[in-house]
Amino acid sequence: MKRVSGKIIRAATSLLLPVKKTRAGECKRCGECCKFVFKCPFLKFENHGSSKSMCTIHSLRPPQCRKYPRAKWEKAHEPCGYHFIEEKSI
């Protein structure tokens, strides 16, 4: 149930909130974010058994995909190439 509520929150916040400016890194094409709750039907892998994924609708993907992870709390898996730089207080 926690993962389903996380998916709903992720979809809602992607429409309303921007990506945090502290996000750094890049997608490693692991596909784990595309398997959150259920495997996205648009997720494909380069070769049978390959670990490199691709989105077949990449240029048309919805905001919850485009902005993932939007904030540090959304990063749900380790292979993700994105990370968040800690904000230093002045």
C-alpha atoms as a PDB file:
ATOM      1  CA  MET A   1       0.000   0.000   0.000  1.00  0.00           C
ATOM      2  CA  LYS A   2       2.895   2.377   0.774  1.00  0.00           C
ATOM      3  CA  ARG A   3       4.188   2.086  -2.807  1.00  0.00           C
ATOM      4  CA  VAL A   4       0.744   2.811  -4.278  1.00  0.00           C
ATOM      5  CA  SER A   5       0.349   5.936  -2.141  1.00  0.00           C
ATOM      6  CA  GLY A   6       3.889   6.952  -3.149  1.00  0.00           C
ATOM      7  CA  LYS A   7       2.927   6.620  -6.823  1.00  0.00           C
ATOM      8  CA  ILE A   8      -0.143   8.831  -6.277  1.00  0.00           C
ATOM      9  CA  ILE A   9       1.893  11.440  -4.397  1.00  0.00           C
ATOM     10  CA  ARG A  10       4.586  11.364  -7.095  1.00  0.00           C
ATOM     11  CA  ALA A  11       2.013  11.967  -9.846  1.00  0.00           C
ATOM     12  CA  ALA A  12       0.304  14.822  -7.970  1.00  0.00           C
ATOM     13  CA  THR A  13       3.489  16.626  -6.932  1.00  0.00           C
ATOM     14  CA  SER A  14       4.967  16.338 -10.422  1.00  0.00           C
ATOM     15  CA  LEU A  15       2.171  18.543 -11.721  1.00  0.00           C
ATOM     16  CA  LEU A  16       2.495  21.158  -9.000  1.00  0.00           C
ATOM     17  CA  LEU A  17       6.107  21.287  -7.852  1.00  0.00           C
ATOM     18  CA  PRO A  18       9.413  21.866  -9.681  1.00  0.00           C
ATOM     19  CA  VAL A  19      12.493  19.638  -9.510  1.00  0.00           C
ATOM     20  CA  LYS A  20      14.688  20.638  -6.546  1.00  0.00           C
ATOM     21  CA  LYS A  21      17.658  22.759  -7.600  1.00  0.00           C
ATOM     22  CA  THR A  22      19.928  20.522  -5.516  1.00  0.00           C
ATOM     23  CA  ARG A  23      19.391  17.540  -7.874  1.00  0.00           C
ATOM     24  CA  ALA A  24      22.554  16.477  -9.682  1.00  0.00           C
ATOM     25  CA  GLY A  25      23.627  13.526 -11.806  1.00  0.00           C
ATOM     26  CA  GLU A  26      21.979  11.839 -14.740  1.00  0.00           C
ATOM     27  CA  CYS A  27      19.846   8.848 -15.593  1.00  0.00           C
ATOM     28  CA  LYS A  28      21.765   5.551 -15.720  1.00  0.00           C
ATOM     29  CA  ARG A  29      18.901   3.904 -17.644  1.00  0.00           C
ATOM     30  CA  CYS A  30      18.416   1.190 -15.032  1.00  0.00           C
ATOM     31  CA  GLY A  31      14.613   1.286 -15.461  1.00  0.00           C
ATOM     32  CA  GLU A  32      13.885   0.865 -11.744  1.00  0.00           C
ATOM     33  CA  CYS A  33      11.796   4.042 -11.544  1.00  0.00           C
ATOM     34  CA  CYS A  34       9.688   2.697 -14.426  1.00  0.00           C
ATOM     35  CA  LYS A  35       8.833  -0.386 -12.364  1.00  0.00           C
ATOM     36  CA  PHE A  36       7.493   1.578  -9.381  1.00  0.00           C
ATOM     37  CA  VAL A  37       4.305  -0.307  -8.321  1.00  0.00           C
ATOM     38  CA  PHE A  38       3.950  -1.810 -11.820  1.00  0.00           C
ATOM     39  CA  LYS A  39       6.187  -2.020 -14.885  1.00  0.00           C
ATOM     40  CA  CYS A  40       5.441   0.767 -17.347  1.00  0.00           C
ATOM     41  CA  PRO A  41       4.257  -0.633 -20.686  1.00  0.00           C
ATOM     42  CA  PHE A  42       6.570   1.822 -22.474  1.00  0.00           C
ATOM     43  CA  LEU A  43       9.727   0.497 -20.764  1.00  0.00           C
ATOM     44  CA  LYS A  44      11.890  -1.621 -23.045  1.00  0.00           C
ATOM     45  CA  PHE A  45      15.402  -3.000 -22.690  1.00  0.00           C
ATOM     46  CA  GLU A  46      18.081  -2.684 -25.399  1.00  0.00           C
ATOM     47  CA  ASN A  47      18.761  -6.397 -25.764  1.00  0.00           C
ATOM     48  CA  HIS A  48      17.135  -9.418 -24.205  1.00  0.00           C
ATOM     49  CA  GLY A  49      18.555  -9.581 -20.671  1.00  0.00           C
ATOM     50  CA  SER A  50      20.315  -6.200 -20.956  1.00  0.00           C
ATOM     51  CA  SER A  51      20.364  -3.920 -17.946  1.00  0.00           C
ATOM     52  CA  LYS A  52      20.045  -0.750 -20.073  1.00  0.00           C
ATOM     53  CA  SER A  53      16.467   0.387 -20.483  1.00  0.00           C
ATOM     54  CA  MET A  54      14.791   2.914 -22.718  1.00  0.00           C
ATOM     55  CA  CYS A  55      11.459   4.668 -22.780  1.00  0.00           C
ATOM     56  CA  THR A  56       9.645   4.203 -26.069  1.00  0.00           C
ATOM     57  CA  ILE A  57       7.740   7.479 -25.532  1.00  0.00           C
ATOM     58  CA  HIS A  58      10.686   9.448 -24.079  1.00  0.00           C
ATOM     59  CA  SER A  59       9.852  12.741 -25.828  1.00  0.00           C
ATOM     60  CA  LEU A  60       6.174  12.454 -24.759  1.00  0.00           C
ATOM     61  CA  ARG A  61       6.637  11.045 -21.240  1.00  0.00           C
ATOM     62  CA  PRO A  62       4.430  12.508 -18.494  1.00  0.00           C
ATOM     63  CA  PRO A  63       5.720  14.896 -15.783  1.00  0.00           C
ATOM     64  CA  GLN A  64       6.022  12.209 -13.091  1.00  0.00           C
ATOM     65  CA  CYS A  65       8.536  10.421 -15.332  1.00  0.00           C
ATOM     66  CA  ARG A  66      10.260  13.539 -16.631  1.00  0.00           C
ATOM     67  CA  LYS A  67      10.846  14.974 -13.154  1.00  0.00           C
ATOM     68  CA  TYR A  68      11.765  11.753 -11.301  1.00  0.00           C
ATOM     69  CA  PRO A  69      13.272  12.034  -8.749  1.00  0.00           C
ATOM     70  CA  ARG A  70      11.913  15.511  -8.089  1.00  0.00           C
ATOM     71  CA  ALA A  71      13.055  15.583  -4.457  1.00  0.00           C
ATOM     72  CA  LYS A  72      15.388  13.522  -2.276  1.00  0.00           C
ATOM     73  CA  TRP A  73      12.508  11.644  -0.605  1.00  0.00           C
ATOM     74  CA  GLU A  74      11.331  10.341  -4.024  1.00  0.00           C
ATOM     75  CA  LYS A  75      14.564   8.505  -4.822  1.00  0.00           C
ATOM     76  CA  ALA A  76      13.427   4.981  -4.079  1.00  0.00           C
ATOM     77  CA  HIS A  77      16.338   2.899  -5.403  1.00  0.00           C
ATOM     78  CA  GLU A  78      20.125   2.875  -5.329  1.00  0.00           C
ATOM     79  CA  PRO A  79      21.034   2.331  -9.003  1.00  0.00           C
ATOM     80  CA  CYS A  80      19.579   5.752  -9.829  1.00  0.00           C
ATOM     81  CA  GLY A  81      22.195   8.132 -11.208  1.00  0.00           C
ATOM     82  CA  TYR A  82      20.574  11.150  -9.583  1.00  0.00           C
ATOM     83  CA  HIS A  83      21.543  12.439  -6.163  1.00  0.00           C
ATOM     84  CA  PHE A  84      20.829  15.526  -4.124  1.00  0.00           C
ATOM     85  CA  ILE A  85      23.487  17.923  -2.903  1.00  0.00           C
ATOM     86  CA  GLU A  86      23.057  18.890   0.722  1.00  0.00           C
ATOM     87  CA  GLU A  87      22.162  22.537   1.135  1.00  0.00           C
ATOM     88  CA  LYS A  88      24.654  24.280   3.389  1.00  0.00           C
ATOM     89  CA  SER A  89      23.269  26.677   5.926  1.00  0.00           C
ATOM     90  CA  ILE A  90      24.864  30.115   6.109  1.00  0.00           C
END
